[in-house]
C-alpha atoms as a PDB file:
ATOM      1  CA  UNK A   1      -0.078   0.177  -0.119  1.00  0.00           C
ATOM      2  CA  UNK A   2       2.873   2.257   0.797  1.00  0.00           C
ATOM      3  CA  UNK A   3       4.529   1.749  -2.356  1.00  0.00           C
ATOM      4  CA  UNK A   4       1.362   2.491  -4.274  1.00  0.00           C
ATOM      5  CA  UNK A   5       0.782   5.652  -2.517  1.00  0.00           C
ATOM      6  CA  UNK A   6       4.609   6.596  -3.316  1.00  0.00           C
ATOM      7  CA  UNK A   7       4.028   5.981  -6.831  1.00  0.00           C
ATOM      8  CA  UNK A   8       0.835   8.011  -6.895  1.00  0.00           C
ATOM      9  CA  UNK A   9       2.644  10.986  -5.242  1.00  0.00           C
ATOM     10  CA  UNK A  10       5.503  10.546  -7.749  1.00  0.00           C
ATOM     11  CA  UNK A  11       2.892  10.418 -10.717  1.00  0.00           C
ATOM     12  CA  UNK A  12       1.373  13.713  -9.506  1.00  0.00           C
ATOM     13  CA  UNK A  13       4.551  15.495  -9.072  1.00  0.00           C
ATOM     14  CA  UNK A  14       5.640  14.344 -12.367  1.00  0.00           C
ATOM     15  CA  UNK A  15       2.498  15.627 -14.119  1.00  0.00           C
ATOM     16  CA  UNK A  16       2.809  18.916 -12.367  1.00  0.00           C
ATOM     17  CA  UNK A  17       6.379  19.312 -13.480  1.00  0.00           C
ATOM     18  CA  UNK A  18       5.150  18.438 -17.185  1.00  0.00           C
ATOM     19  CA  UNK A  19       2.513  20.934 -16.853  1.00  0.00           C
ATOM     20  CA  UNK A  20       4.778  23.669 -15.768  1.00  0.00           C
ATOM     21  CA  UNK A  21       7.437  22.893 -18.368  1.00  0.00           C
ATOM     22  CA  UNK A  22       4.628  22.948 -21.055  1.00  0.00           C
ATOM     23  CA  UNK A  23       3.404  26.188 -19.823  1.00  0.00           C
ATOM     24  CA  UNK A  24       6.780  27.572 -19.926  1.00  0.00           C
ATOM     25  CA  UNK A  25       7.690  26.546 -23.432  1.00  0.00           C
ATOM     26  CA  UNK A  26       4.390  26.751 -24.711  1.00  0.00           C
ATOM     27  CA  UNK A  27       4.307  28.889 -28.033  1.00  0.00           C
ATOM     28  CA  UNK A  28       1.815  31.795 -27.903  1.00  0.00           C
ATOM     29  CA  UNK A  29      -1.172  31.704 -30.463  1.00  0.00           C
ATOM     30  CA  UNK A  30      -0.035  32.476 -33.842  1.00  0.00           C
ATOM     31  CA  UNK A  31      -1.644  35.895 -34.143  1.00  0.00           C
ATOM     32  CA  UNK A  32      -0.223  36.929 -30.652  1.00  0.00           C
ATOM     33  CA  UNK A  33       3.208  35.885 -31.748  1.00  0.00           C
ATOM     34  CA  UNK A  34       2.827  37.843 -34.965  1.00  0.00           C
ATOM     35  CA  UNK A  35       1.615  40.921 -33.049  1.00  0.00           C
ATOM     36  CA  UNK A  36       4.759  40.803 -30.720  1.00  0.00           C
ATOM     37  CA  UNK A  37       7.122  40.219 -33.420  1.00  0.00           C
ATOM     38  CA  UNK A  38       5.794  43.089 -35.593  1.00  0.00           C
ATOM     39  CA  UNK A  39       5.847  45.549 -32.816  1.00  0.00           C
ATOM     40  CA  UNK A  40       9.479  44.513 -31.809  1.00  0.00           C
ATOM     41  CA  UNK A  41      10.696  44.770 -35.544  1.00  0.00           C
ATOM     42  CA  UNK A  42       9.068  48.245 -35.647  1.00  0.00           C
ATOM     43  CA  UNK A  43      10.638  49.554 -32.331  1.00  0.00           C
ATOM     44  CA  UNK A  44      14.059  48.198 -33.268  1.00  0.00           C
ATOM     45  CA  UNK A  45      14.038  50.593 -36.261  1.00  0.00           C
ATOM     46  CA  UNK A  46      12.281  53.578 -34.493  1.00  0.00           C
ATOM     47  CA  UNK A  47      14.083  53.510 -31.072  1.00  0.00           C
ATOM     48  CA  UNK A  48      12.943  57.085 -30.276  1.00  0.00           C
ATOM     49  CA  UNK A  49       9.451  55.635 -30.205  1.00  0.00           C
ATOM     50  CA  UNK A  50       7.391  53.295 -27.882  1.00  0.00           C
ATOM     51  CA  UNK A  51       4.751  51.296 -29.417  1.00  0.00           C
ATOM     52  CA  UNK A  52       1.393  50.221 -27.433  1.00  0.00           C
ATOM     53  CA  UNK A  53      -1.205  47.887 -28.112  1.00  0.00           C
ATOM     54  CA  UNK A  54      -3.856  45.956 -26.005  1.00  0.00           C
ATOM     55  CA  UNK A  55      -3.309  41.979 -26.175  1.00  0.00           C
ATOM     56  CA  UNK A  56      -5.443  39.312 -25.088  1.00  0.00           C
ATOM     57  CA  UNK A  57      -3.714  36.241 -23.314  1.00  0.00           C
ATOM     58  CA  UNK A  58      -5.592  33.376 -23.153  1.00  0.00           C
ATOM     59  CA  UNK A  59      -5.550  31.257 -19.818  1.00  0.00           C
ATOM     60  CA  UNK A  60      -2.612  28.961 -19.860  1.00  0.00           C
ATOM     61  CA  UNK A  61      -0.440  30.725 -22.333  1.00  0.00           C
ATOM     62  CA  UNK A  62       3.111  30.913 -21.579  1.00  0.00           C
ATOM     63  CA  UNK A  63       5.441  33.239 -23.216  1.00  0.00           C
ATOM     64  CA  UNK A  64       9.302  32.722 -23.382  1.00  0.00           C
ATOM     65  CA  UNK A  65      11.478  35.705 -24.257  1.00  0.00           C
ATOM     66  CA  UNK A  66      13.846  33.299 -25.992  1.00  0.00           C
ATOM     67  CA  UNK A  67      11.188  32.630 -28.719  1.00  0.00           C
ATOM     68  CA  UNK A  68      11.289  36.515 -29.360  1.00  0.00           C
ATOM     69  CA  UNK A  69      15.079  37.013 -29.377  1.00  0.00           C
ATOM     70  CA  UNK A  70      16.772  37.286 -32.617  1.00  0.00           C
ATOM     71  CA  UNK A  71      20.400  37.877 -33.898  1.00  0.00           C
ATOM     72  CA  UNK A  72      19.853  41.721 -33.720  1.00  0.00           C
ATOM     73  CA  UNK A  73      17.894  41.843 -30.211  1.00  0.00           C
ATOM     74  CA  UNK A  74      17.518  40.476 -26.705  1.00  0.00           C
ATOM     75  CA  UNK A  75      14.034  40.661 -25.350  1.00  0.00           C
ATOM     76  CA  UNK A  76      13.049  40.906 -21.655  1.00  0.00           C
ATOM     77  CA  UNK A  77       9.737  41.391 -19.795  1.00  0.00           C
ATOM     78  CA  UNK A  78       8.742  43.720 -17.272  1.00  0.00           C
ATOM     79  CA  UNK A  79       5.442  44.205 -15.252  1.00  0.00           C
ATOM     80  CA  UNK A  80       4.319  47.820 -14.597  1.00  0.00           C
ATOM     81  CA  UNK A  81       0.973  46.910 -13.019  1.00  0.00           C
ATOM     82  CA  UNK A  82       1.387  45.296  -9.460  1.00  0.00           C
ATOM     83  CA  UNK A  83      -2.127  44.208  -9.317  1.00  0.00           C
ATOM     84  CA  UNK A  84      -2.413  42.429 -12.758  1.00  0.00           C
ATOM     85  CA  UNK A  85       1.149  40.680 -12.113  1.00  0.00           C
ATOM     86  CA  UNK A  86       0.272  39.682  -8.602  1.00  0.00           C
ATOM     87  CA  UNK A  87       0.010  35.958  -9.802  1.00  0.00           C
ATOM     88  CA  UNK A  88      -3.687  35.742  -9.935  1.00  0.00           C
ATOM     89  CA  UNK A  89      -3.732  37.181 -13.498  1.00  0.00           C
ATOM     90  CA  UNK A  90      -0.107  36.839 -14.626  1.00  0.00           C
ATOM     91  CA  UNK A  91       3.341  35.731 -13.375  1.00  0.00           C
ATOM     92  CA  UNK A  92       6.051  37.753 -14.879  1.00  0.00           C
ATOM     93  CA  UNK A  93       9.780  37.718 -14.644  1.00  0.00           C
ATOM     94  CA  UNK A  94      12.355  39.045 -17.014  1.00  0.00           C
ATOM     95  CA  UNK A  95      12.369  36.151 -19.391  1.00  0.00           C
ATOM     96  CA  UNK A  96       8.981  34.473 -19.168  1.00  0.00           C
ATOM     97  CA  UNK A  97       5.140  35.099 -18.513  1.00  0.00           C
ATOM     98  CA  UNK A  98       2.373  32.842 -17.676  1.00  0.00           C
ATOM     99  CA  UNK A  99      -1.329  33.867 -18.100  1.00  0.00           C
ATOM    100  CA  UNK A 100      -3.195  32.044 -15.168  1.00  0.00           C
ATOM    101  CA  UNK A 101      -6.395  33.302 -16.432  1.00  0.00           C
ATOM    102  CA  UNK A 102      -7.540  34.955 -19.503  1.00  0.00           C
ATOM    103  CA  UNK A 103      -6.231  38.541 -19.428  1.00  0.00           C
ATOM    104  CA  UNK A 104      -6.527  41.645 -21.795  1.00  0.00           C
ATOM    105  CA  UNK A 105      -3.785  43.884 -21.010  1.00  0.00           C
ATOM    106  CA  UNK A 106      -2.039  46.990 -22.295  1.00  0.00           C
ATOM    107  CA  UNK A 107       1.591  45.979 -23.691  1.00  0.00           C
ATOM    108  CA  UNK A 108       4.361  48.553 -24.509  1.00  0.00           C
ATOM    109  CA  UNK A 109       7.371  47.828 -26.757  1.00  0.00           C
ATOM    110  CA  UNK A 110      10.692  49.720 -26.696  1.00  0.00           C
ATOM    111  CA  UNK A 111      14.203  49.109 -27.866  1.00  0.00           C
ATOM    112  CA  UNK A 112      17.631  50.595 -26.997  1.00  0.00           C
ATOM    113  CA  UNK A 113      20.635  50.392 -28.908  1.00  0.00           C
ATOM    114  CA  UNK A 114      23.409  48.695 -26.600  1.00  0.00           C
ATOM    115  CA  UNK A 115      26.253  48.618 -29.132  1.00  0.00           C
ATOM    116  CA  UNK A 116      26.537  45.092 -29.261  1.00  0.00           C
ATOM    117  CA  UNK A 117      22.805  44.178 -29.659  1.00  0.00           C
ATOM    118  CA  UNK A 118      19.380  45.880 -29.039  1.00  0.00           C
ATOM    119  CA  UNK A 119      18.061  45.700 -25.603  1.00  0.00           C
ATOM    120  CA  UNK A 120      14.209  45.388 -26.252  1.00  0.00           C
ATOM    121  CA  UNK A 121      11.621  45.450 -23.320  1.00  0.00           C
ATOM    122  CA  UNK A 122       8.025  44.375 -23.334  1.00  0.00           C
ATOM    123  CA  UNK A 123       6.253  46.107 -20.507  1.00  0.00           C
ATOM    124  CA  UNK A 124       2.810  44.709 -19.285  1.00  0.00           C
ATOM    125  CA  UNK A 125       0.756  47.172 -17.611  1.00  0.00           C
ATOM    126  CA  UNK A 126       1.169  51.039 -17.469  1.00  0.00           C
ATOM    127  CA  UNK A 127       3.153  52.905 -19.984  1.00  0.00           C
ATOM    128  CA  UNK A 128       6.741  53.223 -18.552  1.00  0.00           C
ATOM    129  CA  UNK A 129       8.278  56.512 -18.284  1.00  0.00           C
ATOM    130  CA  UNK A 130       9.462  57.721 -21.733  1.00  0.00           C
ATOM    131  CA  UNK A 131      11.459  60.648 -22.841  1.00  0.00           C
ATOM    132  CA  UNK A 132      10.636  62.992 -25.632  1.00  0.00           C
ATOM    133  CA  UNK A 133      13.138  65.943 -26.477  1.00  0.00           C
ATOM    134  CA  UNK A 134      12.196  68.743 -28.753  1.00  0.00           C
ATOM    135  CA  UNK A 135      14.118  71.819 -29.750  1.00  0.00           C
ATOM    136  CA  UNK A 136      11.612  74.567 -29.291  1.00  0.00           C
ATOM    137  CA  UNK A 137      13.718  77.487 -30.551  1.00  0.00           C
ATOM    138  CA  UNK A 138      17.112  78.071 -32.137  1.00  0.00           C
ATOM    139  CA  UNK A 139      18.403  81.714 -32.684  1.00  0.00           C
ATOM    140  CA  UNK A 140      21.621  81.604 -34.705  1.00  0.00           C
ATOM    141  CA  UNK A 141      23.926  84.709 -35.112  1.00  0.00           C
ATOM    142  CA  UNK A 142      25.064  85.033 -38.760  1.00  0.00           C
ATOM    143  CA  UNK A 143      28.358  86.611 -37.593  1.00  0.00           C
ATOM    144  CA  UNK A 144      31.220  84.204 -36.719  1.00  0.00           C
ATOM    145  CA  UNK A 145      31.935  84.638 -32.759  1.00  0.00           C
ATOM    146  CA  UNK A 146      28.470  85.700 -32.147  1.00  0.00           C
ATOM    147  CA  UNK A 147      26.154  84.072 -29.557  1.00  0.00           C
ATOM    148  CA  UNK A 148      23.708  81.376 -30.674  1.00  0.00           C
ATOM    149  CA  UNK A 149      21.054  80.215 -28.156  1.00  0.00           C
ATOM    150  CA  UNK A 150      18.999  76.997 -28.305  1.00  0.00           C
ATOM    151  CA  UNK A 151      16.037  76.475 -26.246  1.00  0.00           C
ATOM    152  CA  UNK A 152      14.785  72.862 -25.898  1.00  0.00           C
ATOM    153  CA  UNK A 153      12.559  70.739 -23.645  1.00  0.00           C
ATOM    154  CA  UNK A 154      12.362  67.119 -22.277  1.00  0.00           C
ATOM    155  CA  UNK A 155       9.005  65.637 -21.439  1.00  0.00           C
ATOM    156  CA  UNK A 156       8.160  62.380 -19.617  1.00  0.00           C
ATOM    157  CA  UNK A 157       5.164  61.129 -21.660  1.00  0.00           C
ATOM    158  CA  UNK A 158       4.729  57.874 -19.612  1.00  0.00           C
ATOM    159  CA  UNK A 159       2.688  56.854 -16.595  1.00  0.00           C
ATOM    160  CA  UNK A 160       5.569  56.345 -14.378  1.00  0.00           C
ATOM    161  CA  UNK A 161       8.312  58.852 -13.181  1.00  0.00           C
ATOM    162  CA  UNK A 162      11.761  58.929 -15.077  1.00  0.00           C
ATOM    163  CA  UNK A 163      14.576  58.506 -12.871  1.00  0.00           C
ATOM    164  CA  UNK A 164      18.482  58.326 -13.629  1.00  0.00           C
ATOM    165  CA  UNK A 165      17.886  60.476 -16.715  1.00  0.00           C
ATOM    166  CA  UNK A 166      20.382  62.919 -18.511  1.00  0.00           C
ATOM    167  CA  UNK A 167      21.020  64.633 -21.673  1.00  0.00           C
ATOM    168  CA  UNK A 168      23.760  65.549 -24.039  1.00  0.00           C
ATOM    169  CA  UNK A 169      24.057  68.797 -26.014  1.00  0.00           C
ATOM    170  CA  UNK A 170      26.393  68.966 -28.956  1.00  0.00           C
ATOM    171  CA  UNK A 171      27.126  71.220 -32.082  1.00  0.00           C
ATOM    172  CA  UNK A 172      28.804  70.085 -35.061  1.00  0.00           C
ATOM    173  CA  UNK A 173      30.038  71.646 -38.216  1.00  0.00           C
ATOM    174  CA  UNK A 174      28.984  70.034 -41.417  1.00  0.00           C
ATOM    175  CA  UNK A 175      31.286  69.773 -44.278  1.00  0.00           C
ATOM    176  CA  UNK A 176      31.143  67.942 -47.532  1.00  0.00           C
ATOM    177  CA  UNK A 177      34.610  66.218 -48.143  1.00  0.00           C
ATOM    178  CA  UNK A 178      35.138  63.945 -51.159  1.00  0.00           C
ATOM    179  CA  UNK A 179      31.370  64.077 -51.712  1.00  0.00           C
ATOM    180  CA  UNK A 180      30.858  62.774 -48.238  1.00  0.00           C
ATOM    181  CA  UNK A 181      29.281  64.664 -45.489  1.00  0.00           C
ATOM    182  CA  UNK A 182      31.647  64.907 -42.445  1.00  0.00           C
ATOM    183  CA  UNK A 183      30.755  66.361 -39.145  1.00  0.00           C
ATOM    184  CA  UNK A 184      33.072  67.942 -36.768  1.00  0.00           C
ATOM    185  CA  UNK A 185      32.490  68.518 -33.105  1.00  0.00           C
ATOM    186  CA  UNK A 186      32.558  72.365 -32.247  1.00  0.00           C
ATOM    187  CA  UNK A 187      30.812  72.483 -28.877  1.00  0.00           C
ATOM    188  CA  UNK A 188      31.242  71.687 -25.983  1.00  0.00           C
ATOM    189  CA  UNK A 189      34.958  70.898 -25.375  1.00  0.00           C
ATOM    190  CA  UNK A 190      35.012  68.445 -22.484  1.00  0.00           C
ATOM    191  CA  UNK A 191      32.016  66.555 -20.948  1.00  0.00           C
ATOM    192  CA  UNK A 192      28.646  66.974 -22.556  1.00  0.00           C
ATOM    193  CA  UNK A 193      26.357  65.005 -20.080  1.00  0.00           C
ATOM    194  CA  UNK A 194      23.992  66.836 -17.981  1.00  0.00           C
ATOM    195  CA  UNK A 195      22.256  64.913 -15.087  1.00  0.00           C
ATOM    196  CA  UNK A 196      18.335  65.487 -14.861  1.00  0.00           C
ATOM    197  CA  UNK A 197      16.571  65.329 -11.644  1.00  0.00           C
ATOM    198  CA  UNK A 198      13.579  63.098 -11.632  1.00  0.00           C
ATOM    199  CA  UNK A 199      10.994  63.919 -14.361  1.00  0.00           C
ATOM    200  CA  UNK A 200       7.458  63.304 -13.116  1.00  0.00           C
ATOM    201  CA  UNK A 201       4.700  61.431 -15.214  1.00  0.00           C
ATOM    202  CA  UNK A 202       3.559  64.232 -17.680  1.00  0.00           C
ATOM    203  CA  UNK A 203       6.050  66.815 -16.709  1.00  0.00           C
ATOM    204  CA  UNK A 204       8.315  68.812 -19.183  1.00  0.00           C
ATOM    205  CA  UNK A 205      11.568  70.301 -18.283  1.00  0.00           C
ATOM    206  CA  UNK A 206      12.862  73.293 -20.301  1.00  0.00           C
ATOM    207  CA  UNK A 207      16.427  74.201 -20.946  1.00  0.00           C
ATOM    208  CA  UNK A 208      18.619  76.644 -22.776  1.00  0.00           C
ATOM    209  CA  UNK A 209      22.210  76.537 -24.063  1.00  0.00           C
ATOM    210  CA  UNK A 210      24.278  79.357 -25.469  1.00  0.00           C
ATOM    211  CA  UNK A 211      27.387  79.030 -27.319  1.00  0.00           C
ATOM    212  CA  UNK A 212      29.665  81.058 -30.028  1.00  0.00           C
ATOM    213  CA  UNK A 213      31.062  79.553 -33.030  1.00  0.00           C
ATOM    214  CA  UNK A 214      33.956  80.796 -35.317  1.00  0.00           C
ATOM    215  CA  UNK A 215      33.613  78.355 -37.976  1.00  0.00           C
ATOM    216  CA  UNK A 216      31.159  79.542 -40.974  1.00  0.00           C
ATOM    217  CA  UNK A 217      28.753  77.438 -42.959  1.00  0.00           C
ATOM    218  CA  UNK A 218      26.309  74.835 -42.017  1.00  0.00           C
ATOM    219  CA  UNK A 219      26.157  73.374 -38.403  1.00  0.00           C
ATOM    220  CA  UNK A 220      23.991  70.834 -36.504  1.00  0.00           C
ATOM    221  CA  UNK A 221      22.766  70.806 -32.995  1.00  0.00           C
ATOM    222  CA  UNK A 222      22.153  67.243 -31.757  1.00  0.00           C
ATOM    223  CA  UNK A 223      20.472  66.651 -28.412  1.00  0.00           C
ATOM    224  CA  UNK A 224      20.131  63.217 -26.905  1.00  0.00           C
ATOM    225  CA  UNK A 225      17.795  62.669 -23.914  1.00  0.00           C
ATOM    226  CA  UNK A 226      18.386  59.155 -22.147  1.00  0.00           C
ATOM    227  CA  UNK A 227      17.223  57.343 -19.326  1.00  0.00           C
ATOM    228  CA  UNK A 228      18.117  53.917 -17.691  1.00  0.00           C
ATOM    229  CA  UNK A 229      14.413  52.647 -17.893  1.00  0.00           C
ATOM    230  CA  UNK A 230      12.938  55.763 -19.781  1.00  0.00           C
ATOM    231  CA  UNK A 231      13.985  55.326 -23.359  1.00  0.00           C
ATOM    232  CA  UNK A 232      16.292  57.539 -25.433  1.00  0.00           C
ATOM    233  CA  UNK A 233      15.132  60.613 -27.667  1.00  0.00           C
ATOM    234  CA  UNK A 234      17.279  62.291 -30.224  1.00  0.00           C
ATOM    235  CA  UNK A 235      16.482  65.461 -31.948  1.00  0.00           C
ATOM    236  CA  UNK A 236      18.615  67.656 -34.275  1.00  0.00           C
ATOM    237  CA  UNK A 237      18.373  71.028 -36.179  1.00  0.00           C
ATOM    238  CA  UNK A 238      20.600  72.632 -38.738  1.00  0.00           C
ATOM    239  CA  UNK A 239      21.573  76.367 -38.856  1.00  0.00           C
ATOM    240  CA  UNK A 240      24.039  78.462 -40.688  1.00  0.00           C
ATOM    241  CA  UNK A 241      26.868  80.945 -39.496  1.00  0.00           C
ATOM    242  CA  UNK A 242      28.405  83.542 -41.659  1.00  0.00           C
ATOM    243  CA  UNK A 243      26.177  82.781 -44.460  1.00  0.00           C
ATOM    244  CA  UNK A 244      26.573  84.870 -47.825  1.00  0.00           C
ATOM    245  CA  UNK A 245      23.479  86.628 -49.228  1.00  0.00           C
ATOM    246  CA  UNK A 246      21.166  83.820 -50.831  1.00  0.00           C
ATOM    247  CA  UNK A 247      19.792  86.402 -53.069  1.00  0.00           C
ATOM    248  CA  UNK A 248      23.050  85.954 -55.378  1.00  0.00           C
ATOM    249  CA  UNK A 249      22.194  82.090 -55.710  1.00  0.00           C
ATOM    250  CA  UNK A 250      20.007  81.423 -58.805  1.00  0.00           C
ATOM    251  CA  UNK A 251      18.874  78.195 -60.266  1.00  0.00           C
ATOM    252  CA  UNK A 252      19.519  78.449 -64.021  1.00  0.00           C
ATOM    253  CA  UNK A 253      19.179  75.700 -66.476  1.00  0.00           C
ATOM    254  CA  UNK A 254      18.978  71.859 -66.697  1.00  0.00           C
ATOM    255  CA  UNK A 255      22.202  70.327 -67.588  1.00  0.00           C
ATOM    256  CA  UNK A 256      23.001  66.933 -69.470  1.00  0.00           C
ATOM    257  CA  UNK A 257      21.232  63.650 -68.578  1.00  0.00           C
ATOM    258  CA  UNK A 258      23.295  60.526 -68.540  1.00  0.00           C
ATOM    259  CA  UNK A 259      22.520  56.746 -67.801  1.00  0.00           C
ATOM    260  CA  UNK A 260      24.531  55.884 -64.981  1.00  0.00           C
ATOM    261  CA  UNK A 261      24.374  52.614 -62.779  1.00  0.00           C
ATOM    262  CA  UNK A 262      21.031  51.967 -64.385  1.00  0.00           C
ATOM    263  CA  UNK A 263      19.590  55.335 -63.445  1.00  0.00           C
ATOM    264  CA  UNK A 264      18.820  58.471 -65.493  1.00  0.00           C
ATOM    265  CA  UNK A 265      20.916  61.365 -63.911  1.00  0.00           C
ATOM    266  CA  UNK A 266      20.119  64.760 -64.691  1.00  0.00           C
ATOM    267  CA  UNK A 267      22.114  67.962 -63.733  1.00  0.00           C
ATOM    268  CA  UNK A 268      20.172  71.050 -62.369  1.00  0.00           C
ATOM    269  CA  UNK A 269      22.717  74.060 -62.750  1.00  0.00           C
ATOM    270  CA  UNK A 270      23.078  77.008 -60.285  1.00  0.00           C
ATOM    271  CA  UNK A 271      25.127  80.181 -60.123  1.00  0.00           C
ATOM    272  CA  UNK A 272      26.103  82.521 -57.429  1.00  0.00           C
ATOM    273  CA  UNK A 273      25.778  79.798 -54.767  1.00  0.00           C
ATOM    274  CA  UNK A 274      28.449  78.953 -52.079  1.00  0.00           C
ATOM    275  CA  UNK A 275      26.952  75.977 -50.638  1.00  0.00           C
ATOM    276  CA  UNK A 276      25.085  72.781 -52.089  1.00  0.00           C
ATOM    277  CA  UNK A 277      21.946  73.309 -49.843  1.00  0.00           C
ATOM    278  CA  UNK A 278      21.703  77.025 -51.386  1.00  0.00           C
ATOM    279  CA  UNK A 279      21.550  75.530 -54.958  1.00  0.00           C
ATOM    280  CA  UNK A 280      18.818  72.848 -53.773  1.00  0.00           C
ATOM    281  CA  UNK A 281      16.822  75.683 -51.897  1.00  0.00           C
ATOM    282  CA  UNK A 282      16.741  77.737 -55.240  1.00  0.00           C
ATOM    283  CA  UNK A 283      15.639  74.900 -57.369  1.00  0.00           C
ATOM    284  CA  UNK A 284      12.990  73.913 -54.699  1.00  0.00           C
ATOM    285  CA  UNK A 285      11.464  77.437 -55.195  1.00  0.00           C
ATOM    286  CA  UNK A 286      11.154  76.862 -58.808  1.00  0.00           C
ATOM    287  CA  UNK A 287       9.503  73.341 -58.058  1.00  0.00           C
ATOM    288  CA  UNK A 288      11.235  72.171 -61.278  1.00  0.00           C
ATOM    289  CA  UNK A 289      13.246  69.310 -59.982  1.00  0.00           C
ATOM    290  CA  UNK A 290      12.452  66.017 -61.956  1.00  0.00           C
ATOM    291  CA  UNK A 291      13.580  62.880 -59.858  1.00  0.00           C
ATOM    292  CA  UNK A 292      15.329  62.134 -56.445  1.00  0.00           C
ATOM    293  CA  UNK A 293      18.249  64.198 -55.637  1.00  0.00           C
ATOM    294  CA  UNK A 294      21.464  62.218 -55.215  1.00  0.00           C
ATOM    295  CA  UNK A 295      23.971  64.922 -54.675  1.00  0.00           C
ATOM    296  CA  UNK A 296      24.132  68.849 -54.353  1.00  0.00           C
ATOM    297  CA  UNK A 297      27.093  71.176 -54.954  1.00  0.00           C
ATOM    298  CA  UNK A 298      27.125  74.790 -55.017  1.00  0.00           C
ATOM    299  CA  UNK A 299      27.131  74.674 -58.956  1.00  0.00           C
ATOM    300  CA  UNK A 300      24.667  71.851 -59.605  1.00  0.00           C
ATOM    301  CA  UNK A 301      22.286  69.251 -58.197  1.00  0.00           C
ATOM    302  CA  UNK A 302      22.082  65.725 -59.623  1.00  0.00           C
ATOM    303  CA  UNK A 303      18.588  64.103 -59.670  1.00  0.00           C
ATOM    304  CA  UNK A 304      17.940  60.429 -60.173  1.00  0.00           C
ATOM    305  CA  UNK A 305      15.065  58.418 -61.930  1.00  0.00           C
ATOM    306  CA  UNK A 306      14.179  55.235 -63.516  1.00  0.00           C
ATOM    307  CA  UNK A 307      14.733  55.034 -67.262  1.00  0.00           C
ATOM    308  CA  UNK A 308      11.769  54.130 -69.532  1.00  0.00           C
ATOM    309  CA  UNK A 309      12.553  51.092 -71.727  1.00  0.00           C
ATOM    310  CA  UNK A 310      16.084  51.242 -70.728  1.00  0.00           C
ATOM    311  CA  UNK A 311      16.735  54.854 -72.127  1.00  0.00           C
ATOM    312  CA  UNK A 312      16.636  58.410 -70.665  1.00  0.00           C
ATOM    313  CA  UNK A 313      14.163  60.844 -72.156  1.00  0.00           C
END
């Protein structure tokens, strides 16, 4: 009788173990797996955004982060709703989730580039802290050595407070060298990281930076707001220092068209321009460009379009 009882106990333990293993490794329904994959693919590309959707988890669904990992990303789960993740509805740890009963819940997706691989988090419950940077005003001095001021803001659009956050503010000169755009850091010299105090949910903090530049031509401000668990937001804006009078820059005539690498490439000529973007601006005003711009210089633009029956008209 004793051995029969022991066998019964062992059988029950074994069945319970099999049940837990099945739950842990159970594939989610195909439509749910597709939803998760599509959202992860999207935020891998647009890392400044957070994607939100409501998903239905059938009772007994088990999700393993390993099934969502790829060569480019590592996935982890996080719960942002203590009630939902108390164990009655969901059991969540960083690499697996179990739905103990049918649950509809808001799910948020976000990825951050960690250099070696993208760190992607799926949040169950409230929208996590999320930083959104914006350049609200940039007043550039045309004279080299004058003061340029950039006003910008950083907002927490999430439902949780943002902690351990910071921003960097950098200014680059933009040059074209050997037909390739090259950026050269002009400001600041030294550390550019500024720590931010906690940003409450829905709060917007405003900042202002003033600087002077001796280099003339096109420049670019790049601001990066970053949080350990609040995402990363990158904004940029271009401006010019010491620019010549644009009134001397004129779009003139269309140049020759050639078939190059399977594309019809047409020249759009300019006169009196100092920089390529001035020539582009002059042609944009005429609204006469036919094709996609592939290159711009002070003298001409190059626009590409597909040939018709292998020939350029």
